[in-house]
């Protein structure tokens, strides 16, 4: 269940609301003139870290030049 907070109130109590979400895990719905405009939700750090790590490892694998050294690659480029 979400707690609903007006935008002005959320702005003045942001630190408190963030702490509430982080410790209790409950969503906070932020409204403007009675209409929902944003939601403050806790993050699942383990999945965020794992996803970031997987992206970094994939980028690392795709950027490997092979077994050639940098000097070999430079020399090959000069021969062309």
C-alpha atoms as a PDB file:
ATOM      1  CA  UNK A   1       0.000   0.000   0.000  1.00  0.00           C
ATOM      2  CA  UNK A   2       1.221   3.494  -0.835  1.00  0.00           C
ATOM      3  CA  UNK A   3       1.203   6.590   1.302  1.00  0.00           C
ATOM      4  CA  UNK A   4       0.001   9.665  -0.573  1.00  0.00           C
ATOM      5  CA  UNK A   5       1.833  12.965  -0.034  1.00  0.00           C
ATOM      6  CA  UNK A   6       1.309  16.314  -1.714  1.00  0.00           C
ATOM      7  CA  UNK A   7       4.175  17.763  -3.729  1.00  0.00           C
ATOM      8  CA  UNK A   8       4.800  20.725  -1.413  1.00  0.00           C
ATOM      9  CA  UNK A   9       4.804  18.450   1.640  1.00  0.00           C
ATOM     10  CA  UNK A  10       7.112  15.977  -0.138  1.00  0.00           C
ATOM     11  CA  UNK A  11       9.503  18.786  -1.018  1.00  0.00           C
ATOM     12  CA  UNK A  12       9.731  20.018   2.552  1.00  0.00           C
ATOM     13  CA  UNK A  13      10.021  16.493   4.030  1.00  0.00           C
ATOM     14  CA  UNK A  14      12.062  14.744   1.309  1.00  0.00           C
ATOM     15  CA  UNK A  15      14.840  13.460   3.580  1.00  0.00           C
ATOM     16  CA  UNK A  16      12.308  12.051   6.025  1.00  0.00           C
ATOM     17  CA  UNK A  17      10.300  10.420   3.242  1.00  0.00           C
ATOM     18  CA  UNK A  18      13.393   8.858   1.667  1.00  0.00           C
ATOM     19  CA  UNK A  19      14.405   7.439   5.040  1.00  0.00           C
ATOM     20  CA  UNK A  20      10.887   6.099   5.529  1.00  0.00           C
ATOM     21  CA  UNK A  21      10.949   4.349   2.153  1.00  0.00           C
ATOM     22  CA  UNK A  22      14.474   3.007   2.665  1.00  0.00           C
ATOM     23  CA  UNK A  23      13.766   1.572   6.103  1.00  0.00           C
ATOM     24  CA  UNK A  24      10.179   0.430   5.728  1.00  0.00           C
ATOM     25  CA  UNK A  25      10.090  -0.438   2.078  1.00  0.00           C
ATOM     26  CA  UNK A  26       6.693   1.223   1.570  1.00  0.00           C
ATOM     27  CA  UNK A  27       6.025   3.271  -1.564  1.00  0.00           C
ATOM     28  CA  UNK A  28       5.132   6.952  -1.331  1.00  0.00           C
ATOM     29  CA  UNK A  29       2.871   8.408  -3.976  1.00  0.00           C
ATOM     30  CA  UNK A  30       3.543  12.089  -4.679  1.00  0.00           C
ATOM     31  CA  UNK A  31       0.585  14.107  -5.903  1.00  0.00           C
ATOM     32  CA  UNK A  32       0.078  17.536  -7.426  1.00  0.00           C
ATOM     33  CA  UNK A  33      -3.400  19.014  -7.064  1.00  0.00           C
ATOM     34  CA  UNK A  34      -4.717  15.580  -6.157  1.00  0.00           C
ATOM     35  CA  UNK A  35      -3.269  13.795  -9.201  1.00  0.00           C
ATOM     36  CA  UNK A  36      -0.435  11.282  -8.924  1.00  0.00           C
ATOM     37  CA  UNK A  37       2.756  12.625 -10.547  1.00  0.00           C
ATOM     38  CA  UNK A  38       5.555  10.473  -9.085  1.00  0.00           C
ATOM     39  CA  UNK A  39       6.252   7.495  -6.864  1.00  0.00           C
ATOM     40  CA  UNK A  40       9.088   7.132  -4.377  1.00  0.00           C
ATOM     41  CA  UNK A  41       9.993   3.441  -4.130  1.00  0.00           C
ATOM     42  CA  UNK A  42      12.776   1.461  -2.477  1.00  0.00           C
ATOM     43  CA  UNK A  43      15.346  -0.100  -4.768  1.00  0.00           C
ATOM     44  CA  UNK A  44      16.472  -3.684  -4.663  1.00  0.00           C
ATOM     45  CA  UNK A  45      20.203  -3.027  -4.511  1.00  0.00           C
ATOM     46  CA  UNK A  46      21.253  -6.594  -5.163  1.00  0.00           C
ATOM     47  CA  UNK A  47      19.479  -6.701  -8.515  1.00  0.00           C
ATOM     48  CA  UNK A  48      20.768  -3.231  -9.480  1.00  0.00           C
ATOM     49  CA  UNK A  49      24.347  -4.200  -8.652  1.00  0.00           C
ATOM     50  CA  UNK A  50      24.066  -7.523 -10.453  1.00  0.00           C
ATOM     51  CA  UNK A  51      22.572  -5.869 -13.550  1.00  0.00           C
ATOM     52  CA  UNK A  52      25.290  -3.215 -13.598  1.00  0.00           C
ATOM     53  CA  UNK A  53      28.001  -5.831 -13.176  1.00  0.00           C
ATOM     54  CA  UNK A  54      26.584  -7.923 -16.022  1.00  0.00           C
ATOM     55  CA  UNK A  55      26.564  -4.870 -18.307  1.00  0.00           C
ATOM     56  CA  UNK A  56      30.162  -4.013 -17.409  1.00  0.00           C
ATOM     57  CA  UNK A  57      31.344  -7.566 -17.983  1.00  0.00           C
ATOM     58  CA  UNK A  58      29.561  -7.744 -21.348  1.00  0.00           C
ATOM     59  CA  UNK A  59      31.135  -4.446 -22.414  1.00  0.00           C
ATOM     60  CA  UNK A  60      34.544  -5.694 -21.313  1.00  0.00           C
ATOM     61  CA  UNK A  61      34.201  -8.904 -23.328  1.00  0.00           C
ATOM     62  CA  UNK A  62      33.081  -7.105 -26.471  1.00  0.00           C
ATOM     63  CA  UNK A  63      35.961  -4.642 -26.305  1.00  0.00           C
ATOM     64  CA  UNK A  64      38.770  -7.226 -26.173  1.00  0.00           C
ATOM     65  CA  UNK A  65      41.060  -6.926 -29.192  1.00  0.00           C
ATOM     66  CA  UNK A  66      42.241 -10.512 -29.072  1.00  0.00           C
ATOM     67  CA  UNK A  67      45.706 -11.845 -28.341  1.00  0.00           C
ATOM     68  CA  UNK A  68      47.522  -9.120 -30.315  1.00  0.00           C
ATOM     69  CA  UNK A  69      49.465  -6.582 -28.335  1.00  0.00           C
ATOM     70  CA  UNK A  70      48.934  -2.890 -28.842  1.00  0.00           C
ATOM     71  CA  UNK A  71      52.283  -2.686 -30.654  1.00  0.00           C
ATOM     72  CA  UNK A  72      51.211  -5.473 -33.069  1.00  0.00           C
ATOM     73  CA  UNK A  73      47.970  -3.652 -33.848  1.00  0.00           C
ATOM     74  CA  UNK A  74      49.799  -0.358 -34.484  1.00  0.00           C
ATOM     75  CA  UNK A  75      52.330  -2.049 -36.764  1.00  0.00           C
ATOM     76  CA  UNK A  76      49.575  -3.811 -38.689  1.00  0.00           C
ATOM     77  CA  UNK A  77      47.778  -0.527 -39.174  1.00  0.00           C
ATOM     78  CA  UNK A  78      50.938   1.084 -40.561  1.00  0.00           C
ATOM     79  CA  UNK A  79      51.394  -1.710 -43.104  1.00  0.00           C
ATOM     80  CA  UNK A  80      47.983  -1.108 -44.624  1.00  0.00           C
END
